[in-house]
Amino acid sequence: MKETKMHKASLALAFALVISPGAQAADPPIDLKWAQLMPPLEAKPKPKTFFSGAAPTTMAGHDGGPPPPSTYQEGKFMSIKRRQPGSDQPPRVVADLNGKRVKLGGYVVPLDFEATTIKEFLLVPFVGACIHVPPPPANQIVYVKSDNGFQITGQFDPVWVTGTLKTETAFTGLADAGYSLDAESVEARPE
């Protein structure tokens, strides 16, 4: 009788450990690729061909007259804030990724740092984005915040960032990011 009660108690304890959510290990992060941050494009109707009987369309903004005058003064175009593609609309992001734990590889564009410790940065898909070339679309930039910070070895070295992704837009002085990420870890990535 005593053995049966002990057996039932140990079975109940084992069952409770298996079922309890705290006993399970954290789910591994989703190994995310940059292309997965872009939502699928909506299908646009195909333009009719010349032989279909449709009237030809003119290029947007051109009615056959002279081109519109430039709004930039000679030599002043570099001092004007460059607009990202589609910056007049909210960034197109993948809403299903909100709140997911992900791992994403990319390159660091530092925003907040002390010496060689970086706490806030933009994660971009290619070297030199936002610094040497115009920024990519907002859905290809991730604003990352790392509470502990991390040591950078070289500005153009690739990294892996693991953390919780949010579909929150971040406006920085360099570029607008379509996603935000709270980093758990930032580690060097072999090329």
C-alpha atoms as a PDB file:
ATOM      1  CA  MET A   1       0.000   0.000   0.000  1.00  0.00           C
ATOM      2  CA  LYS A   2       2.818   2.407   0.920  1.00  0.00           C
ATOM      3  CA  GLU A   3       4.651   1.574  -2.328  1.00  0.00           C
ATOM      4  CA  THR A   4       1.531   2.326  -4.393  1.00  0.00           C
ATOM      5  CA  LYS A   5       1.131   5.773  -2.784  1.00  0.00           C
ATOM      6  CA  MET A   6       4.833   6.529  -3.287  1.00  0.00           C
ATOM      7  CA  HIS A   7       4.613   5.350  -6.886  1.00  0.00           C
ATOM      8  CA  LYS A   8       1.550   7.556  -7.527  1.00  0.00           C
ATOM      9  CA  ALA A   9       3.231  10.557  -5.863  1.00  0.00           C
ATOM     10  CA  SER A  10       6.403  10.172  -7.926  1.00  0.00           C
ATOM     11  CA  LEU A  11       4.316   9.785 -11.088  1.00  0.00           C
ATOM     12  CA  ALA A  12       2.364  12.963 -10.253  1.00  0.00           C
ATOM     13  CA  LEU A  13       5.615  14.849  -9.611  1.00  0.00           C
ATOM     14  CA  ALA A  14       7.141  13.658 -12.893  1.00  0.00           C
ATOM     15  CA  PHE A  15       3.941  14.601 -14.759  1.00  0.00           C
ATOM     16  CA  ALA A  16       3.927  18.081 -13.155  1.00  0.00           C
ATOM     17  CA  LEU A  17       7.551  18.676 -14.176  1.00  0.00           C
ATOM     18  CA  VAL A  18       6.852  17.678 -17.783  1.00  0.00           C
ATOM     19  CA  ILE A  19       3.676  19.771 -18.069  1.00  0.00           C
ATOM     20  CA  SER A  20       4.800  22.927 -16.234  1.00  0.00           C
ATOM     21  CA  PRO A  21       5.857  25.695 -18.635  1.00  0.00           C
ATOM     22  CA  GLY A  22       8.742  26.821 -16.431  1.00  0.00           C
ATOM     23  CA  ALA A  23      10.418  23.442 -16.715  1.00  0.00           C
ATOM     24  CA  GLN A  24      10.712  23.622 -20.507  1.00  0.00           C
ATOM     25  CA  ALA A  25      13.760  25.178 -22.165  1.00  0.00           C
ATOM     26  CA  ALA A  26      13.356  28.403 -24.139  1.00  0.00           C
ATOM     27  CA  ASP A  27      12.435  27.889 -27.770  1.00  0.00           C
ATOM     28  CA  PRO A  28      15.344  28.319 -30.152  1.00  0.00           C
ATOM     29  CA  PRO A  29      15.272  31.580 -32.126  1.00  0.00           C
ATOM     30  CA  ILE A  30      13.962  31.694 -35.685  1.00  0.00           C
ATOM     31  CA  ASP A  31      16.938  31.880 -38.064  1.00  0.00           C
ATOM     32  CA  LEU A  32      15.739  34.884 -40.045  1.00  0.00           C
ATOM     33  CA  LYS A  33      16.924  35.987 -43.493  1.00  0.00           C
ATOM     34  CA  TRP A  34      16.662  39.583 -44.740  1.00  0.00           C
ATOM     35  CA  ALA A  35      14.212  38.623 -47.487  1.00  0.00           C
ATOM     36  CA  GLN A  36      11.783  37.395 -44.813  1.00  0.00           C
ATOM     37  CA  LEU A  37      11.500  40.958 -43.449  1.00  0.00           C
ATOM     38  CA  MET A  38       9.822  42.094 -46.670  1.00  0.00           C
ATOM     39  CA  PRO A  39       6.120  41.315 -47.054  1.00  0.00           C
ATOM     40  CA  PRO A  40       5.039  39.797 -50.366  1.00  0.00           C
ATOM     41  CA  LEU A  41       4.218  42.331 -53.054  1.00  0.00           C
ATOM     42  CA  GLU A  42       0.622  42.802 -54.071  1.00  0.00           C
ATOM     43  CA  ALA A  43      -0.013  41.686 -57.620  1.00  0.00           C
ATOM     44  CA  LYS A  44      -0.332  44.660 -59.953  1.00  0.00           C
ATOM     45  CA  PRO A  45      -2.415  44.380 -63.089  1.00  0.00           C
ATOM     46  CA  LYS A  46      -0.287  43.848 -66.157  1.00  0.00           C
ATOM     47  CA  PRO A  47      -0.273  46.789 -68.546  1.00  0.00           C
ATOM     48  CA  LYS A  48      -2.074  46.191 -71.790  1.00  0.00           C
ATOM     49  CA  THR A  49       0.033  45.846 -74.868  1.00  0.00           C
ATOM     50  CA  PHE A  50      -0.091  48.255 -77.782  1.00  0.00           C
ATOM     51  CA  PHE A  51      -1.948  45.718 -79.923  1.00  0.00           C
ATOM     52  CA  SER A  52      -4.731  45.207 -77.359  1.00  0.00           C
ATOM     53  CA  GLY A  53      -6.466  48.395 -78.433  1.00  0.00           C
ATOM     54  CA  ALA A  54      -5.711  50.261 -75.172  1.00  0.00           C
ATOM     55  CA  ALA A  55      -4.528  53.843 -75.336  1.00  0.00           C
ATOM     56  CA  PRO A  56      -0.807  54.201 -74.512  1.00  0.00           C
ATOM     57  CA  THR A  57      -0.030  55.650 -71.126  1.00  0.00           C
ATOM     58  CA  THR A  58       2.420  58.478 -70.568  1.00  0.00           C
ATOM     59  CA  MET A  59       5.183  58.373 -68.006  1.00  0.00           C
ATOM     60  CA  ALA A  60       4.107  59.650 -64.601  1.00  0.00           C
ATOM     61  CA  GLY A  61       4.436  63.415 -64.444  1.00  0.00           C
ATOM     62  CA  HIS A  62       5.295  63.832 -68.126  1.00  0.00           C
ATOM     63  CA  ASP A  63       2.733  65.251 -70.493  1.00  0.00           C
ATOM     64  CA  GLY A  64       5.103  65.777 -73.366  1.00  0.00           C
ATOM     65  CA  GLY A  65       6.284  69.205 -72.163  1.00  0.00           C
ATOM     66  CA  PRO A  66       9.674  70.164 -70.769  1.00  0.00           C
ATOM     67  CA  PRO A  67      10.825  68.478 -67.541  1.00  0.00           C
ATOM     68  CA  PRO A  68       9.893  70.236 -64.300  1.00  0.00           C
ATOM     69  CA  PRO A  69      12.496  72.621 -62.863  1.00  0.00           C
ATOM     70  CA  SER A  70      14.881  71.190 -60.272  1.00  0.00           C
ATOM     71  CA  THR A  71      14.041  72.021 -56.654  1.00  0.00           C
ATOM     72  CA  TYR A  72      17.702  71.803 -55.625  1.00  0.00           C
ATOM     73  CA  GLN A  73      20.096  74.693 -56.001  1.00  0.00           C
ATOM     74  CA  GLU A  74      23.396  73.984 -57.676  1.00  0.00           C
ATOM     75  CA  GLY A  75      25.770  72.410 -55.128  1.00  0.00           C
ATOM     76  CA  LYS A  76      23.168  72.285 -52.309  1.00  0.00           C
ATOM     77  CA  PHE A  77      21.780  68.780 -52.891  1.00  0.00           C
ATOM     78  CA  MET A  78      24.154  67.172 -50.333  1.00  0.00           C
ATOM     79  CA  SER A  79      22.819  69.286 -47.459  1.00  0.00           C
ATOM     80  CA  ILE A  80      19.221  68.122 -48.006  1.00  0.00           C
ATOM     81  CA  LYS A  81      18.048  65.082 -46.007  1.00  0.00           C
ATOM     82  CA  ARG A  82      17.858  62.120 -48.337  1.00  0.00           C
ATOM     83  CA  ARG A  83      14.542  60.368 -48.339  1.00  0.00           C
ATOM     84  CA  GLN A  84      14.429  56.617 -48.126  1.00  0.00           C
ATOM     85  CA  PRO A  85      12.448  54.772 -50.789  1.00  0.00           C
ATOM     86  CA  GLY A  86       8.780  54.818 -49.744  1.00  0.00           C
ATOM     87  CA  SER A  87       9.417  57.193 -46.816  1.00  0.00           C
ATOM     88  CA  ASP A  88       6.169  59.036 -47.493  1.00  0.00           C
ATOM     89  CA  GLN A  89       4.250  55.939 -46.328  1.00  0.00           C
ATOM     90  CA  PRO A  90       4.515  53.708 -43.246  1.00  0.00           C
ATOM     91  CA  PRO A  91       7.079  50.933 -43.800  1.00  0.00           C
ATOM     92  CA  ARG A  92       5.759  47.645 -45.130  1.00  0.00           C
ATOM     93  CA  VAL A  93       6.644  45.077 -42.473  1.00  0.00           C
ATOM     94  CA  VAL A  94       5.697  41.460 -41.749  1.00  0.00           C
ATOM     95  CA  ALA A  95       3.265  41.734 -38.820  1.00  0.00           C
ATOM     96  CA  ASP A  96       3.561  38.003 -38.012  1.00  0.00           C
ATOM     97  CA  LEU A  97       7.160  38.560 -36.854  1.00  0.00           C
ATOM     98  CA  ASN A  98       6.094  40.901 -34.023  1.00  0.00           C
ATOM     99  CA  GLY A  99       7.184  39.482 -30.657  1.00  0.00           C
ATOM    100  CA  LYS A 100       9.138  36.562 -32.163  1.00  0.00           C
ATOM    101  CA  ARG A 101      12.553  35.544 -30.865  1.00  0.00           C
ATOM    102  CA  VAL A 102      14.880  35.703 -33.877  1.00  0.00           C
ATOM    103  CA  LYS A 103      18.514  35.448 -34.935  1.00  0.00           C
ATOM    104  CA  LEU A 104      19.565  37.748 -37.776  1.00  0.00           C
ATOM    105  CA  GLY A 105      22.959  38.361 -39.347  1.00  0.00           C
ATOM    106  CA  GLY A 106      24.067  41.726 -40.664  1.00  0.00           C
ATOM    107  CA  TYR A 107      26.349  44.717 -40.235  1.00  0.00           C
ATOM    108  CA  VAL A 108      26.470  47.304 -37.441  1.00  0.00           C
ATOM    109  CA  VAL A 109      25.917  51.039 -37.915  1.00  0.00           C
ATOM    110  CA  PRO A 110      26.635  52.436 -34.405  1.00  0.00           C
ATOM    111  CA  LEU A 111      24.279  55.020 -32.873  1.00  0.00           C
ATOM    112  CA  ASP A 112      25.109  55.047 -29.132  1.00  0.00           C
ATOM    113  CA  PHE A 113      28.534  53.932 -27.950  1.00  0.00           C
ATOM    114  CA  GLU A 114      31.248  54.573 -25.378  1.00  0.00           C
ATOM    115  CA  ALA A 115      34.754  53.916 -26.715  1.00  0.00           C
ATOM    116  CA  THR A 116      34.357  50.427 -28.234  1.00  0.00           C
ATOM    117  CA  THR A 117      31.157  49.398 -26.393  1.00  0.00           C
ATOM    118  CA  ILE A 118      28.014  49.773 -28.497  1.00  0.00           C
ATOM    119  CA  LYS A 119      24.542  49.859 -26.897  1.00  0.00           C
ATOM    120  CA  GLU A 120      22.342  51.080 -29.773  1.00  0.00           C
ATOM    121  CA  PHE A 121      22.846  50.489 -33.466  1.00  0.00           C
ATOM    122  CA  LEU A 122      21.200  49.880 -36.800  1.00  0.00           C
ATOM    123  CA  LEU A 123      21.520  46.361 -38.196  1.00  0.00           C
ATOM    124  CA  VAL A 124      21.709  46.485 -41.989  1.00  0.00           C
ATOM    125  CA  PRO A 125      22.031  43.769 -44.662  1.00  0.00           C
ATOM    126  CA  PHE A 126      25.200  45.021 -46.390  1.00  0.00           C
ATOM    127  CA  VAL A 127      28.443  46.835 -45.571  1.00  0.00           C
ATOM    128  CA  GLY A 128      28.304  50.620 -45.763  1.00  0.00           C
ATOM    129  CA  ALA A 129      24.514  50.980 -45.734  1.00  0.00           C
ATOM    130  CA  CYS A 130      23.485  54.356 -44.228  1.00  0.00           C
ATOM    131  CA  ILE A 131      27.129  55.511 -44.118  1.00  0.00           C
ATOM    132  CA  HIS A 132      28.657  55.330 -47.600  1.00  0.00           C
ATOM    133  CA  VAL A 133      25.524  54.727 -49.653  1.00  0.00           C
ATOM    134  CA  PRO A 134      21.890  55.794 -49.258  1.00  0.00           C
ATOM    135  CA  PRO A 135      19.928  53.750 -46.710  1.00  0.00           C
ATOM    136  CA  PRO A 136      17.953  50.702 -47.824  1.00  0.00           C
ATOM    137  CA  PRO A 137      14.150  50.623 -47.427  1.00  0.00           C
ATOM    138  CA  ALA A 138      12.924  50.811 -43.819  1.00  0.00           C
ATOM    139  CA  ASN A 139      11.914  47.140 -43.805  1.00  0.00           C
ATOM    140  CA  GLN A 140      15.573  46.273 -44.404  1.00  0.00           C
ATOM    141  CA  ILE A 141      16.849  48.169 -41.340  1.00  0.00           C
ATOM    142  CA  VAL A 142      16.531  46.939 -37.748  1.00  0.00           C
ATOM    143  CA  TYR A 143      17.043  49.288 -34.788  1.00  0.00           C
ATOM    144  CA  VAL A 144      18.798  47.244 -32.073  1.00  0.00           C
ATOM    145  CA  LYS A 145      19.121  48.103 -28.409  1.00  0.00           C
ATOM    146  CA  SER A 146      21.503  46.090 -26.213  1.00  0.00           C
ATOM    147  CA  ASP A 147      21.252  46.903 -22.491  1.00  0.00           C
ATOM    148  CA  ASN A 148      24.664  45.406 -21.691  1.00  0.00           C
ATOM    149  CA  GLY A 149      26.296  46.563 -24.893  1.00  0.00           C
ATOM    150  CA  PHE A 150      28.970  44.642 -26.752  1.00  0.00           C
ATOM    151  CA  GLN A 151      32.552  45.186 -27.826  1.00  0.00           C
ATOM    152  CA  ILE A 152      33.073  45.893 -31.503  1.00  0.00           C
ATOM    153  CA  THR A 153      36.194  44.563 -33.149  1.00  0.00           C
ATOM    154  CA  GLY A 154      35.836  46.291 -36.516  1.00  0.00           C
ATOM    155  CA  GLN A 155      33.150  48.568 -37.935  1.00  0.00           C
ATOM    156  CA  PHE A 156      32.657  46.453 -41.045  1.00  0.00           C
ATOM    157  CA  ASP A 157      32.681  43.034 -39.343  1.00  0.00           C
ATOM    158  CA  PRO A 158      29.456  40.991 -39.645  1.00  0.00           C
ATOM    159  CA  VAL A 159      27.509  40.024 -36.499  1.00  0.00           C
ATOM    160  CA  TRP A 160      24.702  37.720 -35.392  1.00  0.00           C
ATOM    161  CA  VAL A 161      22.029  39.376 -33.255  1.00  0.00           C
ATOM    162  CA  THR A 162      19.584  37.296 -31.203  1.00  0.00           C
ATOM    163  CA  GLY A 163      16.572  38.833 -29.487  1.00  0.00           C
ATOM    164  CA  THR A 164      12.896  39.747 -29.625  1.00  0.00           C
ATOM    165  CA  LEU A 165      11.797  41.456 -32.845  1.00  0.00           C
ATOM    166  CA  LYS A 166       9.081  44.140 -32.851  1.00  0.00           C
ATOM    167  CA  THR A 167       7.311  45.744 -35.783  1.00  0.00           C
ATOM    168  CA  GLU A 168       7.851  49.206 -34.319  1.00  0.00           C
ATOM    169  CA  THR A 169       9.252  51.974 -36.480  1.00  0.00           C
ATOM    170  CA  ALA A 170      12.327  53.735 -35.090  1.00  0.00           C
ATOM    171  CA  PHE A 171      13.308  57.174 -36.352  1.00  0.00           C
ATOM    172  CA  THR A 172      17.035  57.879 -36.071  1.00  0.00           C
ATOM    173  CA  GLY A 173      19.192  60.631 -37.478  1.00  0.00           C
ATOM    174  CA  LEU A 174      20.707  58.288 -40.073  1.00  0.00           C
ATOM    175  CA  ALA A 175      17.685  56.329 -41.316  1.00  0.00           C
ATOM    176  CA  ASP A 176      14.216  55.137 -40.391  1.00  0.00           C
ATOM    177  CA  ALA A 177      14.043  51.501 -39.278  1.00  0.00           C
ATOM    178  CA  GLY A 178      10.936  49.399 -39.884  1.00  0.00           C
ATOM    179  CA  TYR A 179      11.762  46.961 -37.073  1.00  0.00           C
ATOM    180  CA  SER A 180      13.135  47.197 -33.538  1.00  0.00           C
ATOM    181  CA  LEU A 181      14.947  44.440 -31.671  1.00  0.00           C
ATOM    182  CA  ASP A 182      15.832  44.021 -27.986  1.00  0.00           C
ATOM    183  CA  ALA A 183      19.134  42.135 -28.177  1.00  0.00           C
ATOM    184  CA  GLU A 184      19.882  39.221 -25.870  1.00  0.00           C
ATOM    185  CA  SER A 185      23.244  38.653 -27.534  1.00  0.00           C
ATOM    186  CA  VAL A 186      25.431  40.139 -30.251  1.00  0.00           C
ATOM    187  CA  GLU A 187      28.286  37.973 -31.459  1.00  0.00           C
ATOM    188  CA  ALA A 188      30.833  38.115 -34.265  1.00  0.00           C
ATOM    189  CA  ARG A 189      29.889  36.163 -37.362  1.00  0.00           C
ATOM    190  CA  PRO A 190      32.518  34.504 -39.519  1.00  0.00           C
ATOM    191  CA  GLU A 191      32.267  35.672 -43.126  1.00  0.00           C
END
